[in-house]
N, C-alpha and C. Protein backbone atom coordinates (compact mmCIF):
# COMPACT_ATOMS: atom_id res chain seq x y z
N UNK A 1 -22.26 23.26 5.44
CA UNK A 1 -21.49 23.07 4.34
C UNK A 1 -22.43 22.21 3.40
N UNK A 2 -22.32 22.70 2.12
CA UNK A 2 -23.11 21.95 1.19
C UNK A 2 -22.66 20.35 0.76
N UNK A 3 -23.62 19.62 0.51
CA UNK A 3 -23.20 18.19 0.14
C UNK A 3 -22.26 18.10 -1.07
N UNK A 4 -21.14 17.20 -0.76
CA UNK A 4 -20.20 17.15 -1.93
C UNK A 4 -20.06 15.70 -2.37
N UNK A 5 -20.08 15.38 -3.50
CA UNK A 5 -19.91 13.91 -3.95
C UNK A 5 -18.76 13.86 -4.93
N UNK A 6 -18.54 12.60 -5.33
CA UNK A 6 -17.44 12.57 -6.38
C UNK A 6 -17.55 13.56 -7.59
N UNK A 7 -18.60 13.90 -8.03
CA UNK A 7 -18.80 14.41 -9.13
C UNK A 7 -18.85 16.29 -8.74
N UNK A 8 -18.72 16.56 -7.80
CA UNK A 8 -18.62 18.01 -7.22
C UNK A 8 -17.38 18.55 -7.29
N UNK A 9 -17.32 19.80 -7.36
CA UNK A 9 -16.09 20.51 -7.27
C UNK A 9 -16.16 21.44 -6.08
N UNK A 10 -15.08 21.91 -5.77
CA UNK A 10 -14.82 22.61 -4.54
C UNK A 10 -15.29 24.07 -4.73
N UNK A 11 -15.44 24.55 -5.92
CA UNK A 11 -15.58 26.01 -6.42
C UNK A 11 -16.87 26.34 -5.66
N UNK A 12 -16.61 27.54 -5.18
CA UNK A 12 -17.82 28.24 -4.46
C UNK A 12 -17.79 28.00 -2.94
N UNK A 13 -16.89 27.00 -2.41
CA UNK A 13 -16.90 26.91 -1.12
C UNK A 13 -15.66 27.93 -0.51
N UNK A 14 -15.97 28.33 0.75
CA UNK A 14 -14.89 29.13 1.36
C UNK A 14 -13.71 28.28 1.68
N UNK A 15 -12.42 28.90 1.98
CA UNK A 15 -11.31 28.30 2.29
C UNK A 15 -11.41 27.43 3.62
N UNK A 16 -12.23 27.95 4.62
CA UNK A 16 -12.49 26.96 5.79
C UNK A 16 -13.31 25.69 5.37
N UNK A 17 -14.31 26.00 4.50
CA UNK A 17 -15.10 24.73 4.03
C UNK A 17 -14.19 23.61 3.33
N UNK A 18 -13.37 24.34 2.46
CA UNK A 18 -12.38 23.47 1.54
C UNK A 18 -11.51 22.65 2.63
N UNK A 19 -11.02 23.34 3.56
CA UNK A 19 -10.13 22.78 4.68
C UNK A 19 -10.91 21.67 5.34
N UNK A 20 -12.14 22.02 5.75
CA UNK A 20 -12.94 21.01 6.56
C UNK A 20 -13.20 19.70 5.60
N UNK A 21 -13.46 19.84 4.32
CA UNK A 21 -13.73 18.81 3.58
C UNK A 21 -12.53 17.97 3.33
N UNK A 22 -11.32 18.63 3.20
CA UNK A 22 -9.90 18.09 2.88
C UNK A 22 -9.70 17.12 4.40
N UNK A 23 -9.94 17.65 5.48
CA UNK A 23 -9.80 16.94 6.59
C UNK A 23 -10.75 15.63 6.76
N UNK A 24 -11.69 15.87 6.37
CA UNK A 24 -12.70 14.62 6.34
C UNK A 24 -12.26 13.58 5.46
N UNK A 25 -11.84 14.05 4.08
CA UNK A 25 -11.25 12.91 3.29
C UNK A 25 -9.99 12.40 3.82
N UNK A 26 -9.34 13.05 4.53
CA UNK A 26 -8.02 12.62 5.07
C UNK A 26 -8.38 11.70 6.21
N UNK A 27 -9.21 11.96 6.96
CA UNK A 27 -9.62 10.89 8.11
C UNK A 27 -10.35 9.68 7.39
N UNK A 28 -11.13 9.72 6.42
CA UNK A 28 -11.67 8.49 5.77
C UNK A 28 -10.55 7.73 4.95
N UNK A 29 -9.56 8.35 4.55
CA UNK A 29 -8.39 7.67 3.81
C UNK A 29 -7.58 6.88 4.85
N UNK A 30 -7.44 7.62 5.95
CA UNK A 30 -6.67 6.80 7.18
C UNK A 30 -7.49 5.83 7.73
N UNK A 31 -8.61 5.98 7.87
CA UNK A 31 -9.66 4.86 8.25
C UNK A 31 -9.42 3.58 7.29
N UNK A 32 -9.61 3.84 5.84
CA UNK A 32 -9.40 2.74 5.11
C UNK A 32 -8.23 2.08 5.19
N UNK A 33 -7.05 2.98 5.17
CA UNK A 33 -5.75 2.29 5.32
C UNK A 33 -5.69 1.52 6.40
N UNK A 34 -6.24 2.00 7.69
CA UNK A 34 -6.02 1.12 8.88
C UNK A 34 -6.71 -0.21 8.77
N UNK A 35 -7.96 -0.07 8.08
CA UNK A 35 -8.72 -1.38 7.97
C UNK A 35 -7.88 -2.28 7.00
N UNK A 36 -7.27 -1.82 5.93
CA UNK A 36 -6.39 -2.57 5.07
C UNK A 36 -5.35 -3.38 5.92
N UNK A 37 -4.69 -2.52 6.52
CA UNK A 37 -3.51 -2.91 7.33
C UNK A 37 -4.02 -4.08 8.32
N UNK A 38 -5.02 -3.76 8.99
CA UNK A 38 -5.61 -4.84 9.96
C UNK A 38 -5.97 -6.13 9.21
N UNK A 39 -6.43 -5.95 7.98
CA UNK A 39 -6.96 -7.16 7.28
C UNK A 39 -5.78 -7.81 6.86
N UNK A 40 -4.55 -7.14 6.43
CA UNK A 40 -3.40 -7.87 5.84
C UNK A 40 -2.68 -8.59 7.07
N UNK A 41 -2.93 -8.02 8.37
CA UNK A 41 -2.16 -8.66 9.52
C UNK A 41 -2.96 -10.04 9.72
N UNK A 42 -4.24 -10.05 9.66
CA UNK A 42 -4.99 -11.11 9.92
C UNK A 42 -4.67 -12.22 9.01
N UNK A 43 -4.57 -11.91 7.59
CA UNK A 43 -4.13 -12.93 6.69
C UNK A 43 -2.74 -13.46 7.08
N UNK A 44 -1.74 -12.59 7.43
CA UNK A 44 -0.60 -13.03 7.78
C UNK A 44 -0.51 -14.02 9.01
N UNK A 45 -1.40 -13.62 9.98
CA UNK A 45 -1.52 -14.61 11.21
C UNK A 45 -2.14 -15.86 10.68
N UNK A 46 -2.94 -15.94 9.81
CA UNK A 46 -3.45 -17.28 9.30
C UNK A 46 -2.43 -17.99 8.50
N UNK A 47 -1.70 -17.18 7.75
CA UNK A 47 -0.87 -17.81 6.81
C UNK A 47 0.49 -18.09 7.38
N UNK A 48 0.73 -17.60 8.49
CA UNK A 48 2.13 -17.62 9.35
C UNK A 48 3.12 -16.87 8.72
N UNK A 49 2.61 -15.75 7.93
CA UNK A 49 3.80 -14.96 7.42
C UNK A 49 4.04 -13.66 8.33
N UNK A 50 5.12 -12.75 8.03
CA UNK A 50 5.54 -11.81 8.83
C UNK A 50 4.57 -10.63 8.37
N UNK A 51 3.80 -9.99 9.55
CA UNK A 51 2.83 -8.96 9.22
C UNK A 51 3.59 -7.58 9.04
N UNK A 52 4.76 -7.69 9.53
CA UNK A 52 5.52 -6.28 9.73
C UNK A 52 6.19 -5.83 8.33
N UNK A 53 6.11 -6.80 7.50
CA UNK A 53 6.77 -6.54 5.94
C UNK A 53 5.82 -5.56 5.20
N UNK A 54 4.49 -5.63 5.43
CA UNK A 54 3.62 -4.79 4.72
C UNK A 54 3.79 -3.29 5.25
N UNK A 55 3.86 -3.40 6.70
CA UNK A 55 3.93 -2.15 7.24
C UNK A 55 5.43 -1.43 7.05
N UNK A 56 6.28 -2.16 6.88
CA UNK A 56 7.63 -1.49 6.48
C UNK A 56 7.49 -0.99 5.15
N UNK A 57 6.72 -1.75 4.24
CA UNK A 57 6.60 -1.25 2.77
C UNK A 57 5.75 0.08 2.69
N UNK A 58 4.78 0.12 3.51
CA UNK A 58 4.02 1.51 3.58
C UNK A 58 4.98 2.63 4.23
N UNK A 59 5.72 2.32 5.29
CA UNK A 59 6.62 3.23 5.88
C UNK A 59 7.55 3.59 4.97
N UNK A 60 8.29 2.84 4.12
CA UNK A 60 9.12 3.01 3.18
C UNK A 60 8.50 4.19 2.09
N UNK A 61 7.38 3.84 1.75
CA UNK A 61 6.76 4.67 0.61
C UNK A 61 6.49 6.15 1.19
N UNK A 62 6.12 6.18 2.41
CA UNK A 62 5.79 7.49 3.23
C UNK A 62 7.02 8.15 3.32
N UNK A 63 8.19 7.59 3.57
CA UNK A 63 9.39 8.34 3.71
C UNK A 63 9.95 8.78 2.29
N UNK A 64 9.38 8.29 1.32
CA UNK A 64 9.89 8.64 -0.09
C UNK A 64 9.08 9.76 -0.62
N UNK A 65 7.89 10.28 0.00
CA UNK A 65 7.17 11.41 -0.37
C UNK A 65 7.87 12.67 -0.16
N UNK A 66 7.64 13.70 -1.12
CA UNK A 66 8.16 15.04 -0.85
C UNK A 66 7.78 15.62 0.43
N UNK A 67 8.60 16.23 1.00
CA UNK A 67 8.38 16.95 2.50
C UNK A 67 8.10 18.30 2.28
């Protein structure tokens, strides 16, 4: 698969390559989200706040997305 960066387009890639690229981006996004959530939980533990609030906010946002 050719190297792809922010300035690249997906033109010229096969459907399978575009799918593979999309799955890679999805995994990276989930990884960043997980790191963000874990950081927020640590801050909540330090401050004595409820860490579930942020998770509920994310869940609510996900439930509002079109299906």
